[in-house]
Structures are given as structure tokens and as C-alpha cells.
N, C-alpha and C. Protein backbone atom coordinates (compact mmCIF):
# COMPACT_ATOMS: atom_id res chain seq x y z
N UNK A 1 161.15 130.80 120.95
CA UNK A 1 161.86 131.80 120.15
C UNK A 1 160.89 132.42 119.14
N UNK A 2 160.90 133.74 119.06
CA UNK A 2 160.02 134.49 118.15
C UNK A 2 160.85 135.18 117.09
N UNK A 3 160.46 134.98 115.82
CA UNK A 3 161.12 135.69 114.71
C UNK A 3 160.03 136.27 113.84
N UNK A 4 160.11 137.57 113.59
CA UNK A 4 159.16 138.28 112.72
C UNK A 4 157.71 138.00 113.11
N UNK A 5 157.44 137.97 114.42
CA UNK A 5 156.08 137.80 114.90
C UNK A 5 155.56 136.38 114.88
N UNK A 6 156.41 135.40 114.59
CA UNK A 6 155.99 134.01 114.54
C UNK A 6 156.72 133.22 115.61
N UNK A 7 155.97 132.48 116.41
CA UNK A 7 156.56 131.64 117.45
C UNK A 7 157.02 130.33 116.80
N UNK A 8 158.30 130.04 116.90
CA UNK A 8 158.83 128.80 116.31
C UNK A 8 158.59 127.63 117.26
N UNK A 9 158.33 126.44 116.71
CA UNK A 9 158.12 125.27 117.57
C UNK A 9 159.42 124.89 118.29
N UNK A 10 159.37 124.79 119.62
CA UNK A 10 160.59 124.61 120.41
C UNK A 10 161.15 123.20 120.35
N UNK A 11 160.34 122.22 120.03
CA UNK A 11 160.81 120.84 120.00
C UNK A 11 161.50 120.48 118.68
N UNK A 12 161.38 121.32 117.66
CA UNK A 12 161.94 121.00 116.34
C UNK A 12 163.42 121.37 116.28
N UNK A 13 164.11 120.73 115.33
CA UNK A 13 165.49 121.11 115.05
C UNK A 13 165.49 122.51 114.44
N UNK A 14 166.57 123.23 114.61
CA UNK A 14 166.64 124.62 114.14
C UNK A 14 166.47 124.70 112.63
N UNK A 15 167.09 123.77 111.88
CA UNK A 15 166.99 123.84 110.42
C UNK A 15 165.58 123.57 109.92
N UNK A 16 164.77 122.83 110.67
CA UNK A 16 163.39 122.56 110.29
C UNK A 16 162.48 123.69 110.77
N UNK A 17 162.68 124.14 111.99
CA UNK A 17 161.81 125.15 112.59
C UNK A 17 161.84 126.47 111.81
N UNK A 18 162.99 126.84 111.28
CA UNK A 18 163.09 128.11 110.55
C UNK A 18 162.28 128.09 109.25
N UNK A 19 161.99 126.91 108.73
CA UNK A 19 161.21 126.83 107.50
C UNK A 19 159.74 127.15 107.73
N UNK A 20 159.32 127.28 109.00
CA UNK A 20 157.94 127.67 109.29
C UNK A 20 157.68 129.11 108.90
N UNK A 21 158.73 129.89 108.68
CA UNK A 21 158.59 131.28 108.26
C UNK A 21 158.29 131.33 106.77
N UNK A 22 157.32 132.18 106.37
CA UNK A 22 156.96 132.34 104.96
C UNK A 22 158.14 132.97 104.24
N UNK A 23 158.61 132.32 103.19
CA UNK A 23 159.72 132.84 102.40
C UNK A 23 161.05 132.22 102.74
N UNK A 24 161.09 131.33 103.72
CA UNK A 24 162.34 130.66 104.10
C UNK A 24 162.19 129.18 103.82
N UNK A 25 163.04 128.67 102.94
CA UNK A 25 163.04 127.25 102.60
C UNK A 25 164.30 126.59 103.11
N UNK A 26 164.49 125.36 102.71
CA UNK A 26 165.64 124.59 103.22
C UNK A 26 166.97 125.19 102.77
N UNK A 27 167.04 125.66 101.53
CA UNK A 27 168.32 126.22 101.07
C UNK A 27 168.63 127.53 101.78
N UNK A 28 167.61 128.36 102.03
CA UNK A 28 167.82 129.61 102.77
C UNK A 28 168.25 129.32 104.20
N UNK A 29 167.66 128.31 104.82
CA UNK A 29 168.02 127.95 106.19
C UNK A 29 169.49 127.58 106.27
N UNK A 30 169.94 126.82 105.29
CA UNK A 30 171.34 126.41 105.27
C UNK A 30 172.26 127.63 105.25
N UNK A 31 171.92 128.62 104.41
CA UNK A 31 172.72 129.84 104.32
C UNK A 31 172.66 130.64 105.63
N UNK A 32 171.47 130.76 106.21
CA UNK A 32 171.29 131.52 107.45
C UNK A 32 172.12 130.91 108.57
N UNK A 33 172.03 129.59 108.74
CA UNK A 33 172.77 128.93 109.82
C UNK A 33 174.27 128.98 109.60
N UNK A 34 174.67 128.95 108.32
CA UNK A 34 176.10 129.06 108.00
C UNK A 34 176.63 130.45 108.38
N UNK A 35 175.87 131.49 108.04
CA UNK A 35 176.28 132.86 108.38
C UNK A 35 176.27 133.10 109.88
N UNK A 36 175.30 132.48 110.58
CA UNK A 36 175.19 132.66 112.03
C UNK A 36 176.13 131.72 112.79
N UNK A 37 176.78 130.80 112.07
CA UNK A 37 177.70 129.81 112.65
C UNK A 37 177.02 128.98 113.75
N UNK A 38 175.89 128.37 113.34
CA UNK A 38 175.11 127.54 114.25
C UNK A 38 174.84 126.20 113.59
N UNK A 39 174.91 125.13 114.39
CA UNK A 39 174.61 123.79 113.89
C UNK A 39 173.09 123.63 113.76
N UNK A 40 172.62 123.11 112.63
CA UNK A 40 171.20 122.98 112.38
C UNK A 40 170.52 121.89 113.16
N UNK A 41 171.29 120.96 113.73
CA UNK A 41 170.68 119.84 114.45
C UNK A 41 170.30 120.20 115.88
N UNK A 42 170.68 121.38 116.36
CA UNK A 42 170.33 121.81 117.72
C UNK A 42 168.83 122.14 117.76
N UNK A 43 168.16 121.72 118.81
CA UNK A 43 166.74 122.04 118.99
C UNK A 43 166.60 123.51 119.36
N UNK A 44 165.46 124.09 118.99
CA UNK A 44 165.21 125.51 119.27
C UNK A 44 165.28 125.80 120.77
N UNK A 45 164.76 124.88 121.59
CA UNK A 45 164.75 125.10 123.05
C UNK A 45 166.16 125.10 123.63
N UNK A 46 167.14 124.51 122.93
CA UNK A 46 168.50 124.43 123.44
C UNK A 46 169.40 125.56 122.92
N UNK A 47 168.87 126.48 122.15
CA UNK A 47 169.67 127.60 121.64
C UNK A 47 169.93 128.60 122.77
N UNK A 48 171.16 129.10 122.82
CA UNK A 48 171.48 130.12 123.82
C UNK A 48 170.98 131.48 123.34
N UNK A 49 170.97 132.46 124.24
CA UNK A 49 170.54 133.82 123.89
C UNK A 49 171.42 134.39 122.78
N UNK A 50 172.72 134.13 122.86
CA UNK A 50 173.66 134.64 121.85
C UNK A 50 173.36 134.05 120.48
N UNK A 51 173.08 132.74 120.43
CA UNK A 51 172.77 132.09 119.16
C UNK A 51 171.46 132.62 118.58
N UNK A 52 170.47 132.85 119.44
CA UNK A 52 169.20 133.40 118.98
C UNK A 52 169.39 134.79 118.39
N UNK A 53 170.21 135.60 119.03
CA UNK A 53 170.47 136.96 118.52
C UNK A 53 171.17 136.91 117.17
N UNK A 54 172.12 135.97 117.02
CA UNK A 54 172.83 135.85 115.74
C UNK A 54 171.87 135.45 114.62
N UNK A 55 170.95 134.52 114.91
CA UNK A 55 169.95 134.13 113.91
C UNK A 55 169.07 135.32 113.55
N UNK A 56 168.63 136.07 114.57
CA UNK A 56 167.79 137.26 114.34
C UNK A 56 168.50 138.26 113.44
N UNK A 57 169.78 138.51 113.69
CA UNK A 57 170.54 139.48 112.89
C UNK A 57 170.66 139.04 111.44
N UNK A 58 170.91 137.76 111.22
CA UNK A 58 171.03 137.26 109.85
C UNK A 58 169.65 137.30 109.17
N UNK A 59 168.59 136.98 109.92
CA UNK A 59 167.24 136.96 109.35
C UNK A 59 166.77 138.36 108.95
N UNK A 60 167.29 139.40 109.59
CA UNK A 60 166.89 140.77 109.26
C UNK A 60 167.26 141.15 107.84
N UNK A 61 168.22 140.45 107.22
CA UNK A 61 168.61 140.76 105.84
C UNK A 61 167.65 140.14 104.83
N UNK A 62 166.81 139.19 105.28
CA UNK A 62 165.87 138.51 104.38
C UNK A 62 164.50 139.16 104.45
N UNK A 63 163.80 139.16 103.33
CA UNK A 63 162.41 139.63 103.31
C UNK A 63 161.52 138.43 103.52
N UNK A 64 160.81 138.41 104.67
CA UNK A 64 159.99 137.26 105.03
C UNK A 64 158.64 137.73 105.57
N UNK A 65 157.74 136.77 105.76
CA UNK A 65 156.41 136.98 106.34
C UNK A 65 155.64 138.13 105.71
N UNK A 66 155.22 139.12 106.49
CA UNK A 66 154.32 140.16 106.02
C UNK A 66 154.87 140.99 104.87
N UNK A 67 156.15 141.34 104.94
CA UNK A 67 156.75 142.14 103.88
C UNK A 67 156.75 141.40 102.55
N UNK A 68 157.09 140.11 102.61
CA UNK A 68 157.13 139.31 101.39
C UNK A 68 155.73 139.08 100.83
N UNK A 69 154.77 138.81 101.70
CA UNK A 69 153.39 138.62 101.26
C UNK A 69 152.86 139.88 100.58
N UNK A 70 153.16 141.04 101.17
CA UNK A 70 152.72 142.31 100.60
C UNK A 70 153.35 142.54 99.23
N UNK A 71 154.62 142.19 99.09
CA UNK A 71 155.31 142.37 97.81
C UNK A 71 154.71 141.47 96.73
N UNK A 72 154.41 140.21 97.09
CA UNK A 72 153.82 139.27 96.13
C UNK A 72 152.46 139.77 95.68
N UNK A 73 151.63 140.22 96.64
CA UNK A 73 150.31 140.74 96.28
C UNK A 73 150.42 141.99 95.41
N UNK A 74 151.41 142.84 95.70
CA UNK A 74 151.61 144.05 94.89
C UNK A 74 152.01 143.68 93.46
N UNK A 75 152.84 142.66 93.31
CA UNK A 75 153.25 142.20 91.98
C UNK A 75 152.05 141.68 91.19
N UNK A 76 151.19 140.90 91.85
CA UNK A 76 150.00 140.36 91.17
C UNK A 76 149.06 141.50 90.80
N UNK A 77 148.88 142.47 91.71
CA UNK A 77 148.01 143.62 91.43
C UNK A 77 148.54 144.42 90.24
N UNK A 78 149.87 144.58 90.17
CA UNK A 78 150.49 145.30 89.05
C UNK A 78 150.22 144.60 87.73
N UNK A 79 150.32 143.27 87.72
CA UNK A 79 150.05 142.50 86.50
C UNK A 79 148.59 142.65 86.07
N UNK A 80 147.67 142.62 87.05
CA UNK A 80 146.25 142.76 86.73
C UNK A 80 145.96 144.15 86.17
N UNK A 81 146.51 145.18 86.81
CA UNK A 81 146.24 146.56 86.39
C UNK A 81 146.80 146.87 85.01
N UNK A 82 147.95 146.26 84.68
CA UNK A 82 148.56 146.53 83.38
C UNK A 82 147.87 145.76 82.26
N UNK A 83 147.04 144.78 82.61
CA UNK A 83 146.32 144.00 81.60
C UNK A 83 147.18 142.94 80.96
N UNK A 84 148.27 142.56 81.64
CA UNK A 84 149.16 141.53 81.12
C UNK A 84 148.44 140.18 81.11
N UNK A 85 148.89 139.28 80.27
CA UNK A 85 148.28 137.95 80.16
C UNK A 85 148.28 137.26 81.51
N UNK A 86 149.42 137.29 82.22
CA UNK A 86 149.49 136.66 83.53
C UNK A 86 148.52 137.29 84.51
N UNK A 87 148.32 138.60 84.41
CA UNK A 87 147.38 139.28 85.28
C UNK A 87 145.95 138.86 85.01
N UNK A 88 145.61 138.67 83.75
CA UNK A 88 144.28 138.21 83.38
C UNK A 88 144.05 136.80 83.93
N UNK A 89 145.06 135.94 83.83
CA UNK A 89 144.93 134.58 84.35
C UNK A 89 144.74 134.60 85.87
N UNK A 90 145.45 135.48 86.57
CA UNK A 90 145.26 135.61 88.02
C UNK A 90 143.84 136.08 88.32
N UNK A 91 143.34 137.06 87.56
CA UNK A 91 142.02 137.62 87.80
C UNK A 91 140.93 136.57 87.58
N UNK A 92 141.11 135.68 86.62
CA UNK A 92 140.12 134.64 86.33
C UNK A 92 140.33 133.38 87.15
N UNK A 93 141.33 133.42 88.04
CA UNK A 93 141.63 132.28 88.91
C UNK A 93 142.00 131.03 88.11
N UNK A 94 142.85 131.22 87.11
CA UNK A 94 143.35 130.13 86.28
C UNK A 94 144.86 130.06 86.42
N UNK A 95 145.49 128.93 86.05
CA UNK A 95 146.94 128.84 86.13
C UNK A 95 147.60 129.89 85.23
N UNK A 96 148.68 130.50 85.73
CA UNK A 96 149.29 131.59 84.97
C UNK A 96 150.62 131.21 84.37
N UNK A 97 151.04 129.97 84.51
CA UNK A 97 152.36 129.60 84.00
C UNK A 97 152.31 128.55 82.90
N UNK A 98 151.24 128.53 82.14
CA UNK A 98 151.20 127.70 80.94
C UNK A 98 150.69 126.30 81.14
N UNK A 99 150.19 125.95 82.33
CA UNK A 99 149.68 124.61 82.53
C UNK A 99 148.37 124.41 81.78
N UNK A 100 148.07 123.15 81.47
CA UNK A 100 146.83 122.85 80.76
C UNK A 100 145.67 122.94 81.74
N UNK A 101 144.49 123.28 81.23
CA UNK A 101 143.33 123.40 82.10
C UNK A 101 142.20 122.48 81.68
N UNK A 102 142.34 121.79 80.58
CA UNK A 102 141.24 120.94 80.12
C UNK A 102 141.01 119.77 81.08
N UNK A 103 142.10 119.13 81.50
CA UNK A 103 141.92 117.95 82.33
C UNK A 103 142.45 118.11 83.75
N UNK A 104 143.27 119.11 84.00
CA UNK A 104 143.86 119.25 85.34
C UNK A 104 143.58 120.64 85.90
N UNK A 105 144.45 121.16 86.72
CA UNK A 105 144.35 122.48 87.36
C UNK A 105 143.21 122.54 88.36
N UNK A 106 142.93 121.43 89.05
CA UNK A 106 141.82 121.41 90.00
C UNK A 106 142.11 122.29 91.22
N UNK A 107 143.35 122.33 91.67
CA UNK A 107 143.64 123.12 92.86
C UNK A 107 143.44 124.60 92.60
N UNK A 108 143.71 125.05 91.41
CA UNK A 108 143.54 126.46 91.10
C UNK A 108 142.10 126.79 90.75
N UNK A 109 141.42 125.90 90.02
CA UNK A 109 140.07 126.20 89.54
C UNK A 109 138.99 125.83 90.54
N UNK A 110 139.28 124.93 91.46
CA UNK A 110 138.29 124.55 92.47
C UNK A 110 137.54 123.28 92.12
N UNK A 111 136.45 123.05 92.84
CA UNK A 111 135.65 121.83 92.67
C UNK A 111 135.01 121.80 91.29
N UNK A 112 134.86 120.58 90.75
CA UNK A 112 134.28 120.41 89.42
C UNK A 112 132.83 120.86 89.38
N UNK A 113 132.46 121.52 88.29
CA UNK A 113 131.08 121.92 88.05
C UNK A 113 130.73 121.46 86.65
N UNK A 114 129.78 120.53 86.52
CA UNK A 114 129.41 120.00 85.21
C UNK A 114 128.49 121.00 84.52
N UNK A 115 128.85 121.34 83.31
CA UNK A 115 128.06 122.29 82.53
C UNK A 115 127.71 121.64 81.21
N UNK A 116 126.43 121.73 80.79
CA UNK A 116 126.05 121.25 79.46
C UNK A 116 125.53 119.84 79.45
N UNK A 117 126.36 118.87 79.72
CA UNK A 117 125.94 117.47 79.61
C UNK A 117 125.17 117.05 80.85
N UNK A 118 124.11 116.25 80.66
CA UNK A 118 123.37 115.70 81.79
C UNK A 118 123.39 114.19 81.69
N UNK A 119 123.28 113.55 82.83
CA UNK A 119 123.34 112.09 82.87
C UNK A 119 122.06 111.48 82.31
N UNK A 120 122.17 110.23 81.85
CA UNK A 120 121.02 109.53 81.26
C UNK A 120 119.88 109.38 82.24
N UNK A 121 120.21 109.05 83.51
CA UNK A 121 119.14 108.83 84.49
C UNK A 121 118.35 110.11 84.70
N UNK A 122 119.04 111.23 84.79
CA UNK A 122 118.35 112.51 85.01
C UNK A 122 117.50 112.85 83.79
N UNK A 123 118.02 112.60 82.59
CA UNK A 123 117.27 112.88 81.38
C UNK A 123 116.01 112.03 81.31
N UNK A 124 116.11 110.75 81.73
CA UNK A 124 114.95 109.86 81.71
C UNK A 124 113.89 110.33 82.71
N UNK A 125 114.33 110.76 83.89
CA UNK A 125 113.39 111.25 84.89
C UNK A 125 112.68 112.49 84.39
N UNK A 126 113.44 113.38 83.75
CA UNK A 126 112.84 114.61 83.24
C UNK A 126 111.84 114.29 82.14
N UNK A 127 112.19 113.34 81.25
CA UNK A 127 111.31 112.95 80.16
C UNK A 127 110.07 112.24 80.69
N UNK A 128 110.26 111.35 81.68
CA UNK A 128 109.15 110.60 82.25
C UNK A 128 108.17 111.50 82.99
N UNK A 129 108.66 112.50 83.67
CA UNK A 129 107.77 113.38 84.41
C UNK A 129 106.97 114.29 83.47
N UNK A 130 107.52 114.62 82.32
CA UNK A 130 106.81 115.51 81.39
C UNK A 130 105.71 114.75 80.63
N UNK A 131 105.86 113.42 80.39
CA UNK A 131 104.86 112.66 79.64
C UNK A 131 103.74 112.17 80.53
N UNK A 132 103.96 112.10 81.85
CA UNK A 132 102.93 111.56 82.73
C UNK A 132 101.86 112.58 83.05
N UNK A 133 102.12 113.83 82.75
CA UNK A 133 101.12 114.85 83.02
C UNK A 133 99.99 114.75 81.99
N UNK A 134 98.77 115.00 82.45
CA UNK A 134 97.61 114.97 81.54
C UNK A 134 97.63 116.21 80.67
N UNK A 135 97.27 116.00 79.40
CA UNK A 135 97.24 117.12 78.46
C UNK A 135 95.95 117.91 78.63
N UNK A 136 95.95 119.18 78.34
CA UNK A 136 94.71 119.94 78.42
C UNK A 136 93.69 119.39 77.43
N UNK A 137 92.47 119.35 77.82
CA UNK A 137 91.42 118.83 76.95
C UNK A 137 90.99 117.45 77.38
N UNK A 138 91.61 116.88 78.43
CA UNK A 138 91.16 115.62 78.98
C UNK A 138 91.75 114.40 78.31
N UNK A 139 92.59 114.50 77.29
CA UNK A 139 93.17 113.32 76.63
C UNK A 139 94.20 112.71 77.55
N UNK A 140 94.29 111.36 77.58
CA UNK A 140 95.28 110.71 78.42
C UNK A 140 96.69 111.08 77.95
N UNK A 141 97.61 111.07 78.89
CA UNK A 141 98.99 111.43 78.57
C UNK A 141 99.60 110.42 77.61
N UNK A 142 100.38 110.90 76.67
CA UNK A 142 101.09 110.05 75.74
C UNK A 142 100.29 109.61 74.53
N UNK A 143 99.00 109.92 74.43
CA UNK A 143 98.20 109.52 73.25
C UNK A 143 97.74 110.77 72.53
N UNK A 144 97.96 110.80 71.25
CA UNK A 144 97.52 111.93 70.43
C UNK A 144 96.33 111.52 69.60
N UNK A 145 95.40 112.40 69.35
CA UNK A 145 94.22 112.09 68.52
C UNK A 145 94.40 112.60 67.14
């Protein structure tokens, strides 16, 4: 069964398979199946042509997949263009709904990048390599005259 350009998994129950569509969750599925008068426990492969058509007709009233994605992107672009706080947060790839960023927000900000502080071992290696070099003038390293 194909809905809005997406092939639904045929082995899944109807109420689960419909959630594969972007913008359709469990509560929406319940409403769709209620309007189409279809039991959610029926597998997709066991749906008749009439039942598939009824689901298609009910689904046409919902904004899903490409249309919904385009609308969400347009909303984010509008926030960025207007210079709103939420738009600035989207542009900087930071959380836009008030979450803290000091210790969390890894999924939004990405992999950790250490800035400023260096580890003791690295500092010792850097210090050790700079003192082992011979000074100009032939004096041994580490001794001042």
C-alpha cells in the first residue's frame, strides 16, 4: 500500500504502519482509522481495496510528508529572516526552546570539542619538548649562565 509516495510495510498492523508517515503519530492514526471505520489490528497486506481507498480519502485531509516538511522549513526560515530569538538559535544550531546548553544539548550541538583547557600529560609533553632543545650559542638545554 502506498500513501503520499511512501510504501507502507505490509507485515505491520495498520495502526503501526501509518505512523511511518512524517506528521502522523499514534493519536492521529486513531482518528484516521475511526473516520475510515477500520480496525487498527488488521495487517496492511489484509486490507481490501475499499478499506485502502477509505484510508487514502481520510489521509488527504491531513498535511503529511513533503508538504509538512516544506511548511516546517518555511516557518524556521521566517524566524531566521525576522531576526527572532528562536530564529537566531536555529541559525546557530542551538536549542530553541529554553533548554540549558552548559552541560547537555549534545544532540543539537554535536560532538564535544574541548576549547581552552589542555590535559596535564599534553602540557608536560609540550614543556618537555621545548626544554630539550639546545639553546643558540651552544649552552646545554635547561642551564642558564
